[in-house]
Amino acid sequence: MACKTVLADHADYRITLHVASAQPSQRIVITFGGQPSGLADDGFGTPFCLEHGWDTIYVAQRHGTQFQGLSIQDFQTVVRPVCAGRDVVTYGSSLGAYAALYYGGAVDARMIAAAPMLPAWRPLKLRAYEDLPVTHGDIKDGPLSRHDPVVIYDPHIRNDTHLIRELVAPAYPNLRPVEVPYAGHTVLVTLSQARLLKPLVLGIIEHDAIIPFDPPGEGTAIYHGELGRSLIRTDRKAARAELEKSLAIAPSKRFFGMLVNLLIRSGDHEAAQQLICKAENSGDKRLGLVPSVRQTAINAGLRVG
């Protein structure tokens, strides 16, 4: 029966060991919380690891700190004794993927990083995070693993590709890319919906092999939505068609907002109003407007309930 031990409990982070069985497993997987997460004993990947009999360490950040309160030295001091002599894998998504890469070298881990992202990374110039102090140096300047990381991402997400090219690749020029076009930043969700995630991750963790697979494409909501998003700047008509296809397959607040915003920017206020009214009449909360798009609609003179 699984049991847990808190290895470190700090104001900015918590590191918790979960043991799958009475005997330590030969493999240990270290997972990291994502951007919306907070201080917790378990999270991303914990149940998955225990289900497969692997001991696992969950590294949590204080909400909003983006792991900047956890130094490589402190991470290494806490986890290295537990990892000694084992096959170590670090695994995360988005902010957690960045952490998997940043800290992975400290324990010579094999690394799985899905759409790695550090929102406060200064070259991204994201205003929402410009006041967050960045204490981490570049990945290339820290301890590096002997293993080239597997990086899973959508090559059409501009910020993701920028960070991979400028922050990850200088440290690991031979990184192993797994491109999933039009899967979005939440690429693991897309793969999971297509029932591809589990075999892909198992293949990497258990055999250090990337299985061949056909990425989700035509006929999936995320594909058409992300394709529509990518076309907004160059072909608004095609973008509208793709977003409409996406919403016909599955409701999505994100793609609904994109479509409403696109219609307003294109001057088709009548179509935007019809879309808003139809969504309100449906009562589907997945077709609600986020505050920014709601304000855009109001500024355009549209009726919003």
C-alpha atoms as a PDB file:
ATOM      1  CA  MET A   1       0.000   0.000   0.000  1.00  0.00           C
ATOM      2  CA  ALA A   2       1.340   3.415  -0.981  1.00  0.00           C
ATOM      3  CA  CYS A   3       2.560   5.748   1.740  1.00  0.00           C
ATOM      4  CA  LYS A   4       3.984   9.248   1.676  1.00  0.00           C
ATOM      5  CA  THR A   5       6.710  11.197   3.416  1.00  0.00           C
ATOM      6  CA  VAL A   6       7.133  14.967   3.218  1.00  0.00           C
ATOM      7  CA  LEU A   7      10.808  15.479   2.463  1.00  0.00           C
ATOM      8  CA  ALA A   8      10.720  19.278   2.577  1.00  0.00           C
ATOM      9  CA  ASP A   9       8.055  21.748   3.653  1.00  0.00           C
ATOM     10  CA  HIS A  10       9.034  25.324   2.883  1.00  0.00           C
ATOM     11  CA  ALA A  11       6.988  28.488   2.505  1.00  0.00           C
ATOM     12  CA  ASP A  12       7.685  28.399  -1.255  1.00  0.00           C
ATOM     13  CA  TYR A  13       7.685  24.668  -1.981  1.00  0.00           C
ATOM     14  CA  ARG A  14       6.824  21.218  -0.712  1.00  0.00           C
ATOM     15  CA  ILE A  15       8.549  18.007  -1.789  1.00  0.00           C
ATOM     16  CA  THR A  16       6.772  14.744  -1.016  1.00  0.00           C
ATOM     17  CA  LEU A  17       7.887  11.164  -1.555  1.00  0.00           C
ATOM     18  CA  HIS A  18       5.239   8.562  -2.376  1.00  0.00           C
ATOM     19  CA  VAL A  19       6.344   4.943  -2.013  1.00  0.00           C
ATOM     20  CA  ALA A  20       4.408   2.474  -4.140  1.00  0.00           C
ATOM     21  CA  SER A  21       5.149  -0.706  -2.152  1.00  0.00           C
ATOM     22  CA  ALA A  22       7.154  -2.155   0.721  1.00  0.00           C
ATOM     23  CA  GLN A  23      10.323  -2.336  -1.385  1.00  0.00           C
ATOM     24  CA  PRO A  24      11.786   0.713  -3.141  1.00  0.00           C
ATOM     25  CA  SER A  25      11.204   0.609  -6.880  1.00  0.00           C
ATOM     26  CA  GLN A  26      14.212   0.565  -9.187  1.00  0.00           C
ATOM     27  CA  ARG A  27      12.720   3.551 -11.006  1.00  0.00           C
ATOM     28  CA  ILE A  28      11.601   6.812  -9.406  1.00  0.00           C
ATOM     29  CA  VAL A  29       9.626   9.497 -11.219  1.00  0.00           C
ATOM     30  CA  ILE A  30       9.735  13.116 -10.079  1.00  0.00           C
ATOM     31  CA  THR A  31       6.766  15.236 -11.159  1.00  0.00           C
ATOM     32  CA  PHE A  32       6.103  18.943 -10.777  1.00  0.00           C
ATOM     33  CA  GLY A  33       3.044  21.104 -10.261  1.00  0.00           C
ATOM     34  CA  GLY A  34       1.754  23.328 -13.039  1.00  0.00           C
ATOM     35  CA  GLN A  35       1.036  27.051 -13.098  1.00  0.00           C
ATOM     36  CA  PRO A  36      -2.364  26.951 -11.311  1.00  0.00           C
ATOM     37  CA  SER A  37      -1.183  24.532  -8.612  1.00  0.00           C
ATOM     38  CA  GLY A  38      -0.200  25.303  -5.040  1.00  0.00           C
ATOM     39  CA  LEU A  39       1.437  23.659  -2.051  1.00  0.00           C
ATOM     40  CA  ALA A  40       0.171  20.073  -1.967  1.00  0.00           C
ATOM     41  CA  ASP A  41       1.424  16.583  -1.204  1.00  0.00           C
ATOM     42  CA  ASP A  42       0.435  15.147  -4.582  1.00  0.00           C
ATOM     43  CA  GLY A  43      -0.584  16.345  -7.998  1.00  0.00           C
ATOM     44  CA  PHE A  44       0.388  15.946 -11.629  1.00  0.00           C
ATOM     45  CA  GLY A  45       1.366  12.344 -12.368  1.00  0.00           C
ATOM     46  CA  THR A  46       1.208  11.016  -8.796  1.00  0.00           C
ATOM     47  CA  PRO A  47      -1.633   8.479  -9.282  1.00  0.00           C
ATOM     48  CA  PHE A  48      -0.248   7.413 -12.666  1.00  0.00           C
ATOM     49  CA  CYS A  49       3.161   6.611 -11.201  1.00  0.00           C
ATOM     50  CA  LEU A  50       1.820   4.708  -8.222  1.00  0.00           C
ATOM     51  CA  GLU A  51      -0.526   2.758 -10.477  1.00  0.00           C
ATOM     52  CA  HIS A  52       2.509   1.450 -12.345  1.00  0.00           C
ATOM     53  CA  GLY A  53       4.449   0.581  -9.212  1.00  0.00           C
ATOM     54  CA  TRP A  54       6.978   3.413  -9.355  1.00  0.00           C
ATOM     55  CA  ASP A  55       7.981   5.414  -6.338  1.00  0.00           C
ATOM     56  CA  THR A  56       7.373   9.062  -7.114  1.00  0.00           C
ATOM     57  CA  ILE A  57       8.273  12.473  -5.760  1.00  0.00           C
ATOM     58  CA  TYR A  58       5.860  15.368  -6.196  1.00  0.00           C
ATOM     59  CA  VAL A  59       7.377  18.854  -6.158  1.00  0.00           C
ATOM     60  CA  ALA A  60       4.869  21.606  -5.432  1.00  0.00           C
ATOM     61  CA  GLN A  61       5.317  25.363  -5.693  1.00  0.00           C
ATOM     62  CA  ARG A  62       3.594  28.103  -3.736  1.00  0.00           C
ATOM     63  CA  HIS A  63       0.917  29.343  -6.086  1.00  0.00           C
ATOM     64  CA  GLY A  64       2.212  32.050  -8.388  1.00  0.00           C
ATOM     65  CA  THR A  65       5.912  31.636  -7.610  1.00  0.00           C
ATOM     66  CA  GLN A  66       6.781  29.537 -10.680  1.00  0.00           C
ATOM     67  CA  PHE A  67       9.313  27.538  -8.619  1.00  0.00           C
ATOM     68  CA  GLN A  68      11.528  30.617  -8.216  1.00  0.00           C
ATOM     69  CA  GLY A  69      11.697  29.975  -4.472  1.00  0.00           C
ATOM     70  CA  LEU A  70      13.335  26.561  -4.949  1.00  0.00           C
ATOM     71  CA  SER A  71      17.029  26.604  -5.817  1.00  0.00           C
ATOM     72  CA  ILE A  72      18.761  23.773  -7.628  1.00  0.00           C
ATOM     73  CA  GLN A  73      20.976  23.282  -4.582  1.00  0.00           C
ATOM     74  CA  ASP A  74      18.032  22.880  -2.205  1.00  0.00           C
ATOM     75  CA  PHE A  75      16.249  20.549  -4.628  1.00  0.00           C
ATOM     76  CA  GLN A  76      19.363  18.447  -5.003  1.00  0.00           C
ATOM     77  CA  THR A  77      19.957  18.246  -1.252  1.00  0.00           C
ATOM     78  CA  VAL A  78      16.430  16.976  -0.652  1.00  0.00           C
ATOM     79  CA  VAL A  79      15.951  14.493  -3.490  1.00  0.00           C
ATOM     80  CA  ARG A  80      19.415  13.158  -4.342  1.00  0.00           C
ATOM     81  CA  PRO A  81      19.620  10.728  -1.379  1.00  0.00           C
ATOM     82  CA  VAL A  82      16.275   9.200  -2.365  1.00  0.00           C
ATOM     83  CA  CYS A  83      17.309   8.918  -6.029  1.00  0.00           C
ATOM     84  CA  ALA A  84      20.731   7.358  -5.505  1.00  0.00           C
ATOM     85  CA  GLY A  85      21.234   4.226  -7.600  1.00  0.00           C
ATOM     86  CA  ARG A  86      17.882   4.476  -9.347  1.00  0.00           C
ATOM     87  CA  ASP A  87      16.618   5.209 -12.834  1.00  0.00           C
ATOM     88  CA  VAL A  88      15.359   8.771 -12.323  1.00  0.00           C
ATOM     89  CA  VAL A  89      12.766  10.394 -14.581  1.00  0.00           C
ATOM     90  CA  THR A  90      11.496  13.953 -14.269  1.00  0.00           C
ATOM     91  CA  TYR A  91       8.113  14.678 -15.850  1.00  0.00           C
ATOM     92  CA  GLY A  92       5.880  17.698 -16.131  1.00  0.00           C
ATOM     93  CA  SER A  93       3.589  19.803 -18.271  1.00  0.00           C
ATOM     94  CA  SER A  94       3.861  23.543 -19.000  1.00  0.00           C
ATOM     95  CA  LEU A  95       5.422  25.148 -15.893  1.00  0.00           C
ATOM     96  CA  GLY A  96       5.971  21.638 -14.551  1.00  0.00           C
ATOM     97  CA  ALA A  97       7.766  20.721 -17.767  1.00  0.00           C
ATOM     98  CA  TYR A  98      10.078  23.698 -17.370  1.00  0.00           C
ATOM     99  CA  ALA A  99      10.815  22.491 -13.831  1.00  0.00           C
ATOM    100  CA  ALA A 100      11.450  18.953 -15.068  1.00  0.00           C
ATOM    101  CA  LEU A 101      14.143  20.369 -17.358  1.00  0.00           C
ATOM    102  CA  TYR A 102      15.561  22.927 -14.926  1.00  0.00           C
ATOM    103  CA  TYR A 103      15.983  20.499 -12.037  1.00  0.00           C
ATOM    104  CA  GLY A 104      16.505  17.297 -14.039  1.00  0.00           C
ATOM    105  CA  GLY A 105      20.213  17.811 -14.472  1.00  0.00           C
ATOM    106  CA  ALA A 106      20.727  17.967 -10.713  1.00  0.00           C
ATOM    107  CA  VAL A 107      19.819  14.260 -10.457  1.00  0.00           C
ATOM    108  CA  ASP A 108      21.022  13.193 -13.929  1.00  0.00           C
ATOM    109  CA  ALA A 109      17.443  12.359 -14.862  1.00  0.00           C
ATOM    110  CA  ARG A 110      15.772  11.288 -18.025  1.00  0.00           C
ATOM    111  CA  MET A 111      13.309  14.087 -18.730  1.00  0.00           C
ATOM    112  CA  ILE A 112       9.845  14.310 -20.247  1.00  0.00           C
ATOM    113  CA  ALA A 113       8.719  17.885 -20.839  1.00  0.00           C
ATOM    114  CA  ALA A 114       5.331  18.644 -22.373  1.00  0.00           C
ATOM    115  CA  ALA A 115       5.060  22.207 -23.705  1.00  0.00           C
ATOM    116  CA  PRO A 116       7.630  23.605 -21.252  1.00  0.00           C
ATOM    117  CA  MET A 117       6.779  27.126 -20.174  1.00  0.00           C
ATOM    118  CA  LEU A 118       8.119  29.639 -17.678  1.00  0.00           C
ATOM    119  CA  PRO A 119       5.639  32.520 -18.001  1.00  0.00           C
ATOM    120  CA  ALA A 120       7.927  34.912 -16.095  1.00  0.00           C
ATOM    121  CA  TRP A 121      10.863  34.262 -18.460  1.00  0.00           C
ATOM    122  CA  ARG A 122      11.750  37.803 -19.464  1.00  0.00           C
ATOM    123  CA  PRO A 123      12.130  37.299 -23.263  1.00  0.00           C
ATOM    124  CA  LEU A 124       8.418  36.358 -23.445  1.00  0.00           C
ATOM    125  CA  LYS A 125       7.533  39.876 -22.245  1.00  0.00           C
ATOM    126  CA  LEU A 126       4.293  38.760 -20.606  1.00  0.00           C
ATOM    127  CA  ARG A 127       2.983  41.748 -18.647  1.00  0.00           C
ATOM    128  CA  ALA A 128       1.049  39.620 -16.185  1.00  0.00           C
ATOM    129  CA  TYR A 129       4.322  38.266 -14.788  1.00  0.00           C
ATOM    130  CA  GLU A 130       6.716  41.173 -15.197  1.00  0.00           C
ATOM    131  CA  ASP A 131       6.775  41.844 -11.449  1.00  0.00           C
ATOM    132  CA  LEU A 132       7.640  38.262 -10.490  1.00  0.00           C
ATOM    133  CA  PRO A 133      11.343  38.061  -9.575  1.00  0.00           C
ATOM    134  CA  VAL A 134      13.190  35.453 -11.628  1.00  0.00           C
ATOM    135  CA  THR A 135      15.888  33.872  -9.478  1.00  0.00           C
ATOM    136  CA  HIS A 136      16.702  30.978 -11.817  1.00  0.00           C
ATOM    137  CA  GLY A 137      19.516  31.240 -14.311  1.00  0.00           C
ATOM    138  CA  ASP A 138      19.428  29.749 -17.789  1.00  0.00           C
ATOM    139  CA  ILE A 139      19.069  25.987 -17.942  1.00  0.00           C
ATOM    140  CA  LYS A 140      22.368  25.699 -19.818  1.00  0.00           C
ATOM    141  CA  ASP A 141      24.228  27.303 -16.915  1.00  0.00           C
ATOM    142  CA  GLY A 142      23.043  24.772 -14.334  1.00  0.00           C
ATOM    143  CA  PRO A 143      23.889  21.099 -13.893  1.00  0.00           C
ATOM    144  CA  LEU A 144      22.962  19.164 -17.026  1.00  0.00           C
ATOM    145  CA  SER A 145      21.836  15.585 -17.398  1.00  0.00           C
ATOM    146  CA  ARG A 146      23.645  13.085 -19.597  1.00  0.00           C
ATOM    147  CA  HIS A 147      20.246  12.291 -21.112  1.00  0.00           C
ATOM    148  CA  ASP A 148      18.617  14.287 -23.885  1.00  0.00           C
ATOM    149  CA  PRO A 149      15.083  15.289 -22.868  1.00  0.00           C
ATOM    150  CA  VAL A 150      11.933  14.307 -24.707  1.00  0.00           C
ATOM    151  CA  VAL A 151      10.038  17.514 -25.466  1.00  0.00           C
ATOM    152  CA  ILE A 152       6.404  17.156 -26.537  1.00  0.00           C
ATOM    153  CA  TYR A 153       4.827  20.266 -28.036  1.00  0.00           C
ATOM    154  CA  ASP A 154       2.712  21.911 -30.698  1.00  0.00           C
ATOM    155  CA  PRO A 155       5.112  23.623 -33.146  1.00  0.00           C
ATOM    156  CA  HIS A 156       2.436  26.221 -33.961  1.00  0.00           C
ATOM    157  CA  ILE A 157       2.354  27.706 -30.441  1.00  0.00           C
ATOM    158  CA  ARG A 158       4.690  30.674 -30.781  1.00  0.00           C
ATOM    159  CA  ASN A 159       5.692  31.189 -27.136  1.00  0.00           C
ATOM    160  CA  ASP A 160       6.277  27.476 -26.634  1.00  0.00           C
ATOM    161  CA  THR A 161       8.559  27.150 -29.629  1.00  0.00           C
ATOM    162  CA  HIS A 162      10.384  30.352 -28.676  1.00  0.00           C
ATOM    163  CA  LEU A 163      11.136  29.072 -25.177  1.00  0.00           C
ATOM    164  CA  ILE A 164      12.203  25.661 -26.450  1.00  0.00           C
ATOM    165  CA  ARG A 165      14.486  27.193 -29.056  1.00  0.00           C
ATOM    166  CA  GLU A 166      16.078  29.838 -26.813  1.00  0.00           C
ATOM    167  CA  LEU A 167      16.021  28.333 -23.310  1.00  0.00           C
ATOM    168  CA  VAL A 168      15.940  24.549 -23.724  1.00  0.00           C
ATOM    169  CA  ALA A 169      17.901  23.877 -26.928  1.00  0.00           C
ATOM    170  CA  PRO A 170      21.055  25.760 -25.825  1.00  0.00           C
ATOM    171  CA  ALA A 171      21.255  23.361 -22.875  1.00  0.00           C
ATOM    172  CA  TYR A 172      20.192  20.268 -24.787  1.00  0.00           C
ATOM    173  CA  PRO A 173      20.894  20.765 -28.509  1.00  0.00           C
ATOM    174  CA  ASN A 174      20.078  17.117 -29.183  1.00  0.00           C
ATOM    175  CA  LEU A 175      16.718  17.177 -27.441  1.00  0.00           C
ATOM    176  CA  ARG A 176      14.200  14.621 -28.722  1.00  0.00           C
ATOM    177  CA  PRO A 177      11.222  16.518 -30.124  1.00  0.00           C
ATOM    178  CA  VAL A 178       7.738  15.047 -30.345  1.00  0.00           C
ATOM    179  CA  GLU A 179       5.727  17.485 -32.447  1.00  0.00           C
ATOM    180  CA  VAL A 180       1.934  17.315 -32.237  1.00  0.00           C
ATOM    181  CA  PRO A 181       0.607  19.940 -34.678  1.00  0.00           C
ATOM    182  CA  TYR A 182      -2.487  21.882 -33.617  1.00  0.00           C
ATOM    183  CA  ALA A 183      -2.643  20.113 -30.277  1.00  0.00           C
ATOM    184  CA  GLY A 184      -2.402  23.381 -28.376  1.00  0.00           C
ATOM    185  CA  HIS A 185      -0.347  24.274 -25.325  1.00  0.00           C
ATOM    186  CA  THR A 186      -2.242  21.620 -23.348  1.00  0.00           C
ATOM    187  CA  VAL A 187      -0.787  18.962 -25.616  1.00  0.00           C
ATOM    188  CA  LEU A 188      -1.102  16.218 -22.996  1.00  0.00           C
ATOM    189  CA  VAL A 189      -4.858  16.798 -22.777  1.00  0.00           C
ATOM    190  CA  THR A 190      -5.125  16.429 -26.535  1.00  0.00           C
ATOM    191  CA  LEU A 191      -3.094  13.223 -26.507  1.00  0.00           C
ATOM    192  CA  SER A 192      -5.135  11.883 -23.619  1.00  0.00           C
ATOM    193  CA  GLN A 193      -8.416  12.548 -25.428  1.00  0.00           C
ATOM    194  CA  ALA A 194      -7.037  10.627 -28.401  1.00  0.00           C
ATOM    195  CA  ARG A 195      -5.945   7.773 -26.069  1.00  0.00           C
ATOM    196  CA  LEU A 196      -2.340   8.288 -27.098  1.00  0.00           C
ATOM    197  CA  LEU A 197      -0.885   9.739 -23.916  1.00  0.00           C
ATOM    198  CA  LYS A 198      -0.555   6.629 -21.802  1.00  0.00           C
ATOM    199  CA  PRO A 199       1.235   4.463 -24.397  1.00  0.00           C
ATOM    200  CA  LEU A 200       3.496   7.367 -25.341  1.00  0.00           C
ATOM    201  CA  VAL A 201       4.570   8.135 -21.783  1.00  0.00           C
ATOM    202  CA  LEU A 202       4.882   4.467 -20.832  1.00  0.00           C
ATOM    203  CA  GLY A 203       7.116   3.874 -23.844  1.00  0.00           C
ATOM    204  CA  ILE A 204       9.409   6.700 -22.787  1.00  0.00           C
ATOM    205  CA  ILE A 205       9.546   5.855 -19.095  1.00  0.00           C
ATOM    206  CA  GLU A 206       9.806   2.083 -19.390  1.00  0.00           C
ATOM    207  CA  HIS A 207      11.824   1.699 -22.580  1.00  0.00           C
ATOM    208  CA  ASP A 208      13.284   5.155 -23.285  1.00  0.00           C
ATOM    209  CA  ALA A 209      11.563   4.885 -26.661  1.00  0.00           C
ATOM    210  CA  ILE A 210       9.179   7.219 -28.485  1.00  0.00           C
ATOM    211  CA  ILE A 211       6.473   5.107 -30.065  1.00  0.00           C
ATOM    212  CA  PRO A 212       5.303   6.125 -33.540  1.00  0.00           C
ATOM    213  CA  PHE A 213       1.760   7.505 -33.608  1.00  0.00           C
ATOM    214  CA  ASP A 214      -0.588   9.506 -35.795  1.00  0.00           C
ATOM    215  CA  PRO A 215      -1.291  12.876 -34.136  1.00  0.00           C
ATOM    216  CA  PRO A 216      -4.931  13.837 -33.547  1.00  0.00           C
ATOM    217  CA  GLY A 217      -6.125  15.667 -36.627  1.00  0.00           C
ATOM    218  CA  GLU A 218      -9.194  16.234 -38.755  1.00  0.00           C
ATOM    219  CA  GLY A 219     -12.394  15.709 -36.841  1.00  0.00           C
ATOM    220  CA  THR A 220     -11.107  16.603 -33.371  1.00  0.00           C
ATOM    221  CA  ALA A 221     -12.231  19.779 -31.648  1.00  0.00           C
ATOM    222  CA  ILE A 222      -8.777  20.813 -30.474  1.00  0.00           C
ATOM    223  CA  TYR A 223      -7.244  20.374 -33.933  1.00  0.00           C
ATOM    224  CA  HIS A 224      -9.779  22.597 -35.685  1.00  0.00           C
ATOM    225  CA  GLY A 225      -9.727  25.120 -32.835  1.00  0.00           C
ATOM    226  CA  GLU A 226      -5.946  25.444 -32.816  1.00  0.00           C
ATOM    227  CA  LEU A 227      -5.821  25.560 -36.592  1.00  0.00           C
ATOM    228  CA  GLY A 228      -8.393  28.344 -36.471  1.00  0.00           C
ATOM    229  CA  ARG A 229      -6.366  30.211 -33.868  1.00  0.00           C
ATOM    230  CA  SER A 230      -3.241  29.984 -36.025  1.00  0.00           C
ATOM    231  CA  LEU A 231      -5.091  31.397 -39.046  1.00  0.00           C
ATOM    232  CA  ILE A 232      -6.596  34.463 -37.350  1.00  0.00           C
ATOM    233  CA  ARG A 233      -3.766  36.788 -38.393  1.00  0.00           C
ATOM    234  CA  THR A 234      -3.540  35.623 -41.999  1.00  0.00           C
ATOM    235  CA  ASP A 235      -6.950  34.362 -43.125  1.00  0.00           C
ATOM    236  CA  ARG A 236      -9.927  35.383 -41.010  1.00  0.00           C
ATOM    237  CA  LYS A 237     -12.434  33.576 -43.215  1.00  0.00           C
ATOM    238  CA  ALA A 238     -10.593  30.269 -42.904  1.00  0.00           C
ATOM    239  CA  ALA A 239     -10.055  30.876 -39.195  1.00  0.00           C
ATOM    240  CA  ARG A 240     -13.784  31.384 -38.687  1.00  0.00           C
ATOM    241  CA  ALA A 241     -14.578  28.159 -40.522  1.00  0.00           C
ATOM    242  CA  GLU A 242     -12.135  26.156 -38.400  1.00  0.00           C
ATOM    243  CA  LEU A 243     -13.373  27.636 -35.125  1.00  0.00           C
ATOM    244  CA  GLU A 244     -16.951  26.873 -36.109  1.00  0.00           C
ATOM    245  CA  LYS A 245     -15.951  23.282 -36.905  1.00  0.00           C
ATOM    246  CA  SER A 246     -14.311  22.987 -33.501  1.00  0.00           C
ATOM    247  CA  LEU A 247     -17.344  24.269 -31.608  1.00  0.00           C
ATOM    248  CA  ALA A 248     -19.646  21.979 -33.592  1.00  0.00           C
ATOM    249  CA  ILE A 249     -17.620  19.023 -32.314  1.00  0.00           C
ATOM    250  CA  ALA A 250     -17.292  20.133 -28.690  1.00  0.00           C
ATOM    251  CA  PRO A 251     -18.088  23.340 -26.742  1.00  0.00           C
ATOM    252  CA  SER A 252     -15.062  25.296 -25.534  1.00  0.00           C
ATOM    253  CA  LYS A 253     -15.021  28.632 -23.711  1.00  0.00           C
ATOM    254  CA  ARG A 254     -11.616  29.415 -25.217  1.00  0.00           C
ATOM    255  CA  PHE A 255     -12.544  28.795 -28.848  1.00  0.00           C
ATOM    256  CA  PHE A 256     -16.001  30.325 -28.386  1.00  0.00           C
ATOM    257  CA  GLY A 257     -14.376  33.525 -27.156  1.00  0.00           C
ATOM    258  CA  MET A 258     -11.949  33.478 -30.067  1.00  0.00           C
ATOM    259  CA  LEU A 259     -14.793  33.177 -32.550  1.00  0.00           C
ATOM    260  CA  VAL A 260     -16.828  35.977 -30.971  1.00  0.00           C
ATOM    261  CA  ASN A 261     -13.767  38.222 -30.890  1.00  0.00           C
ATOM    262  CA  LEU A 262     -12.933  37.350 -34.502  1.00  0.00           C
ATOM    263  CA  LEU A 263     -16.450  38.203 -35.692  1.00  0.00           C
ATOM    264  CA  ILE A 264     -16.349  41.544 -33.884  1.00  0.00           C
ATOM    265  CA  ARG A 265     -12.923  42.404 -35.308  1.00  0.00           C
ATOM    266  CA  SER A 266     -14.167  41.426 -38.776  1.00  0.00           C
ATOM    267  CA  GLY A 267     -17.105  43.837 -38.447  1.00  0.00           C
ATOM    268  CA  ASP A 268     -19.742  41.108 -38.494  1.00  0.00           C
ATOM    269  CA  HIS A 269     -21.530  42.249 -35.353  1.00  0.00           C
ATOM    270  CA  GLU A 270     -24.773  40.574 -36.372  1.00  0.00           C
ATOM    271  CA  ALA A 271     -23.162  37.141 -36.508  1.00  0.00           C
ATOM    272  CA  ALA A 272     -21.408  37.809 -33.206  1.00  0.00           C
ATOM    273  CA  GLN A 273     -24.694  38.792 -31.567  1.00  0.00           C
ATOM    274  CA  GLN A 274     -26.439  35.703 -32.909  1.00  0.00           C
ATOM    275  CA  LEU A 275     -23.637  33.513 -31.600  1.00  0.00           C
ATOM    276  CA  ILE A 276     -23.779  35.109 -28.140  1.00  0.00           C
ATOM    277  CA  CYS A 277     -27.572  34.770 -27.946  1.00  0.00           C
ATOM    278  CA  LYS A 278     -27.459  31.144 -29.064  1.00  0.00           C
ATOM    279  CA  ALA A 279     -24.845  30.350 -26.429  1.00  0.00           C
ATOM    280  CA  GLU A 280     -26.813  32.116 -23.687  1.00  0.00           C
ATOM    281  CA  ASN A 281     -30.002  30.278 -24.644  1.00  0.00           C
ATOM    282  CA  SER A 282     -28.173  26.952 -24.516  1.00  0.00           C
ATOM    283  CA  GLY A 283     -27.204  27.473 -20.884  1.00  0.00           C
ATOM    284  CA  ASP A 284     -23.893  25.749 -21.548  1.00  0.00           C
ATOM    285  CA  LYS A 285     -21.257  27.310 -19.272  1.00  0.00           C
ATOM    286  CA  ARG A 286     -18.562  26.128 -21.679  1.00  0.00           C
ATOM    287  CA  LEU A 287     -19.867  28.780 -24.061  1.00  0.00           C
ATOM    288  CA  GLY A 288     -19.515  31.703 -21.684  1.00  0.00           C
ATOM    289  CA  LEU A 289     -17.434  34.788 -22.410  1.00  0.00           C
ATOM    290  CA  VAL A 290     -14.271  35.461 -20.476  1.00  0.00           C
ATOM    291  CA  PRO A 291     -14.152  39.030 -19.053  1.00  0.00           C
ATOM    292  CA  SER A 292     -11.896  40.460 -21.767  1.00  0.00           C
ATOM    293  CA  VAL A 293     -14.064  39.206 -24.652  1.00  0.00           C
ATOM    294  CA  ARG A 294     -17.215  40.179 -22.778  1.00  0.00           C
ATOM    295  CA  GLN A 295     -15.921  43.747 -22.509  1.00  0.00           C
ATOM    296  CA  THR A 296     -14.996  43.749 -26.200  1.00  0.00           C
ATOM    297  CA  ALA A 297     -18.564  42.721 -27.030  1.00  0.00           C
ATOM    298  CA  ILE A 298     -20.034  45.440 -24.816  1.00  0.00           C
ATOM    299  CA  ASN A 299     -17.738  48.050 -26.353  1.00  0.00           C
ATOM    300  CA  ALA A 300     -18.983  46.940 -29.776  1.00  0.00           C
ATOM    301  CA  GLY A 301     -22.565  47.643 -28.679  1.00  0.00           C
ATOM    302  CA  LEU A 302     -23.608  44.004 -28.425  1.00  0.00           C
ATOM    303  CA  ARG A 303     -26.139  42.695 -25.900  1.00  0.00           C
ATOM    304  CA  VAL A 304     -24.516  40.441 -23.351  1.00  0.00           C
ATOM    305  CA  GLY A 305     -26.572  38.768 -20.626  1.00  0.00           C
END
